[in-house]
Amino acid sequence: MASSVIELPTFKGRPGWEFTDLTGLDLGAYTPAPVAREGGLGELWSLDQAQLPEGVTVDVDGDATTITVARNVALEQPISLTAVQSTSGTLVNQRTRVVLEEGAQAEVWEQFLSASEDLDGVFNITTELVVGDAARLRYVCGQALSERSWVFGGQRGVVGRDASLDWVALGFGSRSGHVLMETRLAGEGADARVTGAYATHGRQHIDFDTTQEHAAPNTTSDLAFRGVLQDRSSAVWKGNIIVDPGAQKTDAFQESRNLLISKRAHADAIPGLEIQANDVRCTHAAAVAQVDPEQLFYLRSRGLREEVAKQLVIEGFLSALVERFEPGAVREVLADVLERRLAVILG
């Protein structure tokens, strides 16, 4: 039997791929390769099973990593994972599966990097988050790949009864690509909060496609994405809230706000609703704008130089994301990485 070949999605011809042009991608030119995988618990531990707390297992099998936290186990330090693509001309497939059993609590921090700034590669990410009943998971995922690389991702979280998922997505690197993020609130009382940030320059292109599916009653979700775009870079966020039949008392919100700091930058923000229940509250907001000249005038009238005033406006725009988190490690890290990324794109 002859094997079939699946063609790459056609630009503007395939739902979900309308804004990302793949004509410059030749998958046949990239050789499949393993990735350098590092991990730790906090800043002190290695991923040695003997050192992990009782009830926590981390299994690394080729390009797949599975983290399991047993029932009612609360992990005090975050597990950190780093995947580094080391060689140009390679395609890396990386799969991460995080499973929290009933009543468990954990944080997992994961980042995807390139070994050099000019590495030309393809990075393919698959993520599965399973949050058991009454469990609590915070998952922080960031990519700062070479700006010559492509990134593709299929990420999905399933949240059980009275459980919560706090998901942070940071997209700073890559040349182009497409990342699908799906959150399914499967159990009554489930809660999910998704926070996304990106900051691009040059000719970078970022594409996030998010879904919040409410499959049970009395569930809540809150999604907020913000992006800052410089030069001729572009971004698209396409979000959808789905309320299944019977998912009454759903409370869902989504927003995407983009700040263009050059006249040639471009962003698309496309919210969507699919509601099949009649007792719900679902709202969305989307905005794309240039830096407000009145804000700049106000700051400059107080004696600030134009570049300083502009930076303050941008920092204020992104601070809304930082303020979504309580004081602590996540808030500090998010503020720090946003500050360092702004320093790069503002030159």
Protein backbone atom coordinates (compact mmCIF):
# COMPACT_ATOMS: atom_id res chain seq x y z
CA MET A 1 0.00 0.00 0.00
CA ALA A 2 1.42 3.36 -1.02
CA SER A 3 1.99 5.80 1.80
CA SER A 4 0.14 9.09 1.66
CA VAL A 5 1.84 12.46 2.05
CA ILE A 6 0.08 15.19 3.99
CA GLU A 7 0.63 18.54 2.36
CA LEU A 8 1.46 21.63 4.39
CA PRO A 9 -1.54 23.89 5.06
CA THR A 10 -2.16 26.39 2.28
CA PHE A 11 -1.83 30.04 3.22
CA LYS A 12 -5.29 31.67 3.28
CA GLY A 13 -6.80 28.35 2.21
CA ARG A 14 -7.00 26.29 5.41
CA PRO A 15 -9.03 27.25 8.49
CA GLY A 16 -6.66 28.14 11.32
CA TRP A 17 -3.80 28.93 8.95
CA GLU A 18 -5.17 32.03 7.25
CA PHE A 19 -2.50 34.35 8.60
CA THR A 20 0.69 32.26 8.56
CA ASP A 21 2.45 31.74 5.25
CA LEU A 22 4.39 28.45 5.09
CA THR A 23 5.60 28.74 1.50
CA GLY A 24 9.16 29.35 2.73
CA LEU A 25 9.19 26.13 4.75
CA ASP A 26 10.74 23.00 3.22
CA LEU A 27 10.42 20.25 5.81
CA GLY A 28 12.44 17.91 3.61
CA ALA A 29 15.49 20.11 4.14
CA TYR A 30 15.54 19.38 7.89
CA THR A 31 16.89 16.21 9.46
CA PRO A 32 15.10 14.77 12.51
CA ALA A 33 17.34 15.09 15.54
CA PRO A 34 17.19 14.63 19.29
CA VAL A 35 17.11 17.64 21.59
CA ALA A 36 19.35 18.41 24.54
CA ARG A 37 17.02 18.10 27.54
CA GLU A 38 17.83 19.53 30.96
CA GLY A 39 15.73 19.69 34.09
CA GLY A 40 15.66 20.59 37.70
CA LEU A 41 13.59 21.16 40.78
CA GLY A 42 13.87 24.79 41.76
CA GLU A 43 17.51 25.84 41.26
CA LEU A 44 19.13 23.06 43.25
CA TRP A 45 17.87 19.68 42.14
CA SER A 46 18.55 17.58 39.07
CA LEU A 47 15.94 15.29 37.59
CA ASP A 48 17.29 12.29 39.46
CA GLN A 49 14.42 10.08 40.61
CA ALA A 50 16.19 9.52 43.91
CA GLN A 51 16.13 13.24 44.61
CA LEU A 52 12.52 13.93 43.68
CA PRO A 53 9.96 14.13 46.49
CA GLU A 54 7.95 11.00 47.19
CA GLY A 55 4.96 10.79 44.89
CA VAL A 56 6.59 12.72 42.04
CA THR A 57 8.01 10.93 38.99
CA VAL A 58 9.69 12.33 35.91
CA ASP A 59 10.14 9.92 33.00
CA VAL A 60 12.25 10.96 30.02
CA ASP A 61 11.95 8.64 27.03
CA GLY A 62 13.58 9.99 23.89
CA ASP A 63 11.78 13.16 22.91
CA ALA A 64 8.96 12.62 25.44
CA THR A 65 8.92 13.76 29.07
CA THR A 66 6.15 12.72 31.46
CA ILE A 67 5.73 14.29 34.89
CA THR A 68 3.31 12.66 37.32
CA VAL A 69 2.32 14.02 40.73
CA ALA A 70 0.48 11.52 42.89
CA ARG A 71 -2.82 12.03 44.69
CA ASN A 72 -2.77 14.80 47.33
CA VAL A 73 0.98 15.46 46.90
CA ALA A 74 1.89 19.16 46.99
CA LEU A 75 5.19 19.98 45.27
CA GLU A 76 6.88 22.84 47.12
CA GLN A 77 9.35 23.83 44.38
CA PRO A 78 8.63 24.13 40.64
CA ILE A 79 9.98 21.52 38.27
CA SER A 80 11.93 23.28 35.51
CA LEU A 81 12.58 21.81 32.08
CA THR A 82 14.73 23.23 29.28
CA ALA A 83 14.95 21.90 25.74
CA VAL A 84 17.77 23.23 23.55
CA GLN A 85 18.02 22.73 19.79
CA SER A 86 21.74 22.50 19.15
CA THR A 87 22.20 22.02 15.40
CA SER A 88 21.08 23.96 12.33
CA GLY A 89 19.17 22.12 9.64
CA THR A 90 17.37 19.87 12.12
CA LEU A 91 13.79 19.20 13.10
CA VAL A 92 13.10 18.59 16.77
CA ASN A 93 9.94 17.00 18.14
CA GLN A 94 9.40 17.59 21.84
CA ARG A 95 6.50 16.15 23.84
CA THR A 96 5.69 17.01 27.45
CA ARG A 97 2.92 15.39 29.47
CA VAL A 98 2.05 16.64 32.95
CA VAL A 99 -0.41 14.63 35.03
CA LEU A 100 -1.67 15.78 38.43
CA GLU A 101 -3.76 13.21 40.21
CA GLU A 102 -6.67 14.16 42.47
CA GLY A 103 -5.81 16.87 45.00
CA ALA A 104 -2.20 17.29 43.81
CA GLN A 105 -0.48 20.68 43.50
CA ALA A 106 2.52 21.58 41.33
CA GLU A 107 4.28 24.14 39.16
CA VAL A 108 6.09 23.22 35.96
CA TRP A 109 8.29 25.73 34.13
CA GLU A 110 9.38 24.82 30.60
CA GLN A 111 11.43 26.72 28.03
CA PHE A 112 12.52 26.04 24.45
CA LEU A 113 15.80 27.54 23.23
CA SER A 114 18.26 27.50 20.33
CA ALA A 115 21.98 26.96 20.87
CA SER A 116 22.84 29.99 18.71
CA GLU A 117 21.13 33.14 17.46
CA ASP A 118 21.47 32.14 13.79
CA LEU A 119 20.33 28.51 14.10
CA ASP A 120 17.97 27.51 11.27
CA GLY A 121 15.67 24.78 12.51
CA VAL A 122 12.14 23.54 13.09
CA PHE A 123 10.87 23.02 16.63
CA ASN A 124 7.67 21.00 17.03
CA ILE A 125 6.00 21.04 20.46
CA THR A 126 3.29 18.77 21.84
CA THR A 127 2.02 19.44 25.35
CA GLU A 128 -0.63 17.61 27.36
CA LEU A 129 -1.73 18.89 30.76
CA VAL A 130 -4.05 16.69 32.82
CA VAL A 131 -5.31 18.34 36.00
CA GLY A 132 -7.22 15.86 38.17
CA ASP A 133 -10.19 16.66 40.37
CA ALA A 134 -9.39 19.32 43.01
CA ALA A 135 -5.80 19.57 41.74
CA ARG A 136 -3.86 22.81 41.13
CA LEU A 137 -1.36 23.24 38.28
CA ARG A 138 0.62 26.26 37.19
CA TYR A 139 2.37 25.71 33.84
CA VAL A 140 4.75 28.38 32.55
CA CYS A 141 5.97 27.81 28.99
CA GLY A 142 8.23 30.12 27.01
CA GLN A 143 10.10 29.97 23.72
CA ALA A 144 13.05 32.16 22.80
CA LEU A 145 14.20 30.31 19.72
CA SER A 146 16.49 31.70 17.07
CA GLU A 147 14.76 34.18 14.81
CA ARG A 148 15.66 31.95 11.86
CA SER A 149 13.69 29.02 13.28
CA TRP A 150 10.14 27.81 12.80
CA VAL A 151 7.99 26.81 15.77
CA PHE A 152 4.83 24.73 15.75
CA GLY A 153 2.86 23.62 18.75
CA GLY A 154 -0.18 21.66 19.76
CA GLN A 155 -0.90 22.20 23.45
CA ARG A 156 -3.94 21.00 25.38
CA GLY A 157 -5.03 21.19 28.99
CA VAL A 158 -7.90 19.24 30.56
CA VAL A 159 -9.17 20.45 33.94
CA GLY A 160 -11.18 18.23 36.27
CA ARG A 161 -13.87 18.91 38.86
CA ASP A 162 -13.06 21.80 41.22
CA ALA A 163 -9.53 21.90 39.77
CA SER A 164 -7.57 24.88 38.47
CA LEU A 165 -5.03 25.50 35.72
CA ASP A 166 -2.91 28.65 35.60
CA TRP A 167 -1.18 28.65 32.19
CA VAL A 168 1.41 31.21 31.09
CA ALA A 169 2.66 31.33 27.48
CA LEU A 170 5.58 33.54 26.38
CA GLY A 171 6.49 33.86 22.69
CA PHE A 172 9.61 35.91 22.01
CA GLY A 173 11.65 33.96 19.47
CA SER A 174 11.31 32.17 16.12
CA ARG A 175 10.96 33.38 12.56
CA SER A 176 7.39 32.17 12.16
CA GLY A 177 5.04 29.37 13.07
CA HIS A 178 1.72 28.48 14.64
CA VAL A 179 0.83 27.44 18.20
CA LEU A 180 -2.54 25.94 19.09
CA MET A 181 -3.55 26.17 22.77
CA GLU A 182 -6.68 24.36 23.91
CA THR A 183 -8.15 24.40 27.41
CA ARG A 184 -11.03 22.07 28.25
CA LEU A 185 -12.92 22.57 31.49
CA ALA A 186 -14.17 19.02 31.85
CA GLY A 187 -15.43 18.92 35.42
CA GLU A 188 -17.97 21.00 37.31
CA GLY A 189 -16.34 23.88 39.17
CA ALA A 190 -13.18 23.81 37.02
CA ASP A 191 -11.26 27.06 36.57
CA ALA A 192 -8.60 28.08 34.04
CA ARG A 193 -6.58 31.24 33.62
CA VAL A 194 -4.41 31.67 30.52
CA THR A 195 -1.94 34.54 30.19
CA GLY A 196 0.06 35.17 27.02
CA ALA A 197 2.73 37.69 26.06
CA TYR A 198 4.80 38.26 22.94
CA ALA A 199 7.18 40.97 21.77
CA THR A 200 8.47 40.90 18.20
CA HIS A 201 10.73 42.86 15.88
CA GLY A 202 12.32 42.61 12.45
CA ARG A 203 10.14 40.38 10.28
CA GLN A 204 9.10 37.96 13.01
CA HIS A 205 5.61 36.46 12.84
CA ILE A 206 3.74 35.07 15.86
CA ASP A 207 0.49 33.08 15.56
CA PHE A 208 -1.53 31.91 18.59
CA ASP A 209 -4.82 30.02 18.21
CA THR A 210 -6.59 29.55 21.56
CA THR A 211 -9.72 27.69 22.64
CA GLN A 212 -11.54 27.74 25.97
CA GLU A 213 -14.03 24.87 25.97
CA HIS A 214 -16.55 24.73 28.80
CA ALA A 215 -17.80 21.15 28.92
CA ALA A 216 -19.36 21.17 32.41
CA PRO A 217 -21.54 23.55 34.44
CA ASN A 218 -20.26 26.20 36.87
CA THR A 219 -16.87 26.59 35.17
CA THR A 220 -14.80 29.73 34.70
CA SER A 221 -12.05 30.79 32.32
CA ASP A 222 -10.07 34.02 31.93
CA LEU A 223 -7.69 34.51 29.01
CA ALA A 224 -5.56 37.60 28.38
CA PHE A 225 -2.93 38.01 25.63
CA ARG A 226 -0.86 41.15 25.03
CA GLY A 227 1.74 41.83 22.38
CA VAL A 228 4.19 44.57 21.46
CA LEU A 229 5.30 44.74 17.83
CA GLN A 230 8.26 46.63 16.35
CA ASP A 231 9.63 47.11 12.79
CA ARG A 232 7.78 44.96 10.19
CA SER A 233 6.87 42.14 12.54
CA SER A 234 3.36 40.71 12.69
CA ALA A 235 1.16 38.71 15.03
CA VAL A 236 -2.20 37.05 15.06
CA TRP A 237 -4.30 35.87 17.95
CA LYS A 238 -7.43 33.92 17.16
CA GLY A 239 -9.47 32.89 20.19
CA ASN A 240 -12.66 30.95 20.67
CA ILE A 241 -14.88 30.35 23.69
CA ILE A 242 -16.97 27.20 23.32
CA VAL A 243 -19.83 26.44 25.71
CA ASP A 244 -21.11 22.90 25.30
CA PRO A 245 -24.78 21.95 25.79
CA GLY A 246 -25.54 21.66 29.50
CA ALA A 247 -22.57 23.80 30.60
CA GLN A 248 -24.83 26.25 32.43
CA LYS A 249 -23.44 28.99 34.70
CA THR A 250 -20.33 29.29 32.54
CA ASP A 251 -18.32 32.46 33.16
CA ALA A 252 -15.75 33.05 30.40
CA PHE A 253 -13.68 36.03 29.31
CA GLN A 254 -11.02 36.55 26.65
CA GLU A 255 -9.05 39.55 25.48
CA SER A 256 -6.22 40.33 23.10
CA ARG A 257 -4.53 43.71 23.01
CA ASN A 258 -1.67 44.69 20.72
CA LEU A 259 0.56 47.74 20.77
CA LEU A 260 2.25 48.68 17.50
CA ILE A 261 5.40 50.72 18.04
CA SER A 262 6.19 51.17 14.36
CA LYS A 263 3.97 52.11 11.44
CA ARG A 264 4.80 48.94 9.48
CA ALA A 265 4.03 46.44 12.25
CA HIS A 266 0.75 44.56 11.94
CA ALA A 267 -1.49 42.55 14.28
CA ASP A 268 -4.80 40.72 13.96
CA ALA A 269 -6.97 39.96 16.99
CA ILE A 270 -9.98 37.73 16.29
CA PRO A 271 -12.24 36.66 19.18
CA GLY A 272 -15.03 34.14 18.75
CA LEU A 273 -17.95 32.61 20.67
CA GLU A 274 -19.80 29.29 20.20
CA ILE A 275 -22.47 29.13 22.90
CA GLN A 276 -24.88 26.18 23.21
CA ALA A 277 -26.24 26.89 26.70
CA ASN A 278 -28.65 29.64 27.75
CA ASP A 279 -27.48 30.62 31.26
CA VAL A 280 -23.93 31.86 30.73
CA ARG A 281 -21.77 34.96 30.84
CA CYS A 282 -19.23 35.15 28.02
CA THR A 283 -17.41 38.33 27.01
CA HIS A 284 -14.46 39.27 24.85
CA ALA A 285 -12.33 42.27 23.95
CA ALA A 286 -9.76 42.92 21.23
CA ALA A 287 -7.70 45.95 20.30
CA VAL A 288 -4.82 46.91 18.01
CA ALA A 289 -3.38 50.41 18.38
CA GLN A 290 -0.33 52.59 18.00
CA VAL A 291 1.32 54.25 20.99
CA ASP A 292 -1.04 56.99 22.13
CA PRO A 293 0.44 60.37 21.09
CA GLU A 294 -1.41 62.12 23.92
CA GLN A 295 0.31 59.90 26.48
CA LEU A 296 3.66 60.68 24.87
CA PHE A 297 2.90 64.41 24.86
CA TYR A 298 1.94 64.32 28.53
CA LEU A 299 5.15 62.55 29.54
CA ARG A 300 7.35 64.75 27.34
CA SER A 301 5.73 67.84 28.81
CA ARG A 302 7.10 66.62 32.15
CA GLY A 303 10.62 66.74 30.78
CA LEU A 304 11.10 63.14 29.61
CA ARG A 305 12.91 62.37 26.38
CA GLU A 306 10.76 60.81 23.66
CA GLU A 307 12.41 57.37 23.85
CA VAL A 308 12.03 57.28 27.64
CA ALA A 309 8.39 58.35 27.44
CA LYS A 310 7.70 55.69 24.81
CA GLN A 311 9.27 52.99 26.92
CA LEU A 312 7.17 53.98 29.93
CA VAL A 313 3.99 53.73 27.87
CA ILE A 314 4.97 50.28 26.63
CA GLU A 315 5.91 49.08 30.12
CA GLY A 316 2.59 50.31 31.43
CA PHE A 317 0.78 48.42 28.66
CA LEU A 318 2.48 45.14 29.62
CA SER A 319 2.19 45.68 33.37
CA ALA A 320 -1.45 44.60 33.17
CA LEU A 321 -0.23 41.05 32.52
CA VAL A 322 2.23 41.14 35.42
CA GLU A 323 -0.49 42.34 37.76
CA ARG A 324 -2.56 39.22 37.05
CA PHE A 325 -0.26 37.37 39.45
CA GLU A 326 0.18 37.64 43.18
CA PRO A 327 3.59 38.80 44.48
CA GLY A 328 6.04 35.94 44.13
CA ALA A 329 8.30 34.09 41.72
CA VAL A 330 6.02 34.10 38.67
CA ARG A 331 5.32 37.81 38.91
CA GLU A 332 9.03 38.60 39.35
CA VAL A 333 10.15 36.36 36.48
CA LEU A 334 7.46 37.65 34.13
CA ALA A 335 8.36 41.27 34.87
CA ASP A 336 12.05 40.50 34.34
CA VAL A 337 11.68 38.65 31.03
CA LEU A 338 9.36 41.34 29.64
CA GLU A 339 11.84 44.03 30.61
CA ARG A 340 14.75 42.20 28.98
CA ARG A 341 12.76 41.48 25.83
CA LEU A 342 11.72 45.12 25.50
CA ALA A 343 15.38 46.12 25.74
CA VAL A 344 16.05 43.88 22.72
CA ILE A 345 13.23 45.06 20.47
CA LEU A 346 13.63 48.74 21.37
CA GLY A 347 17.35 48.54 20.69
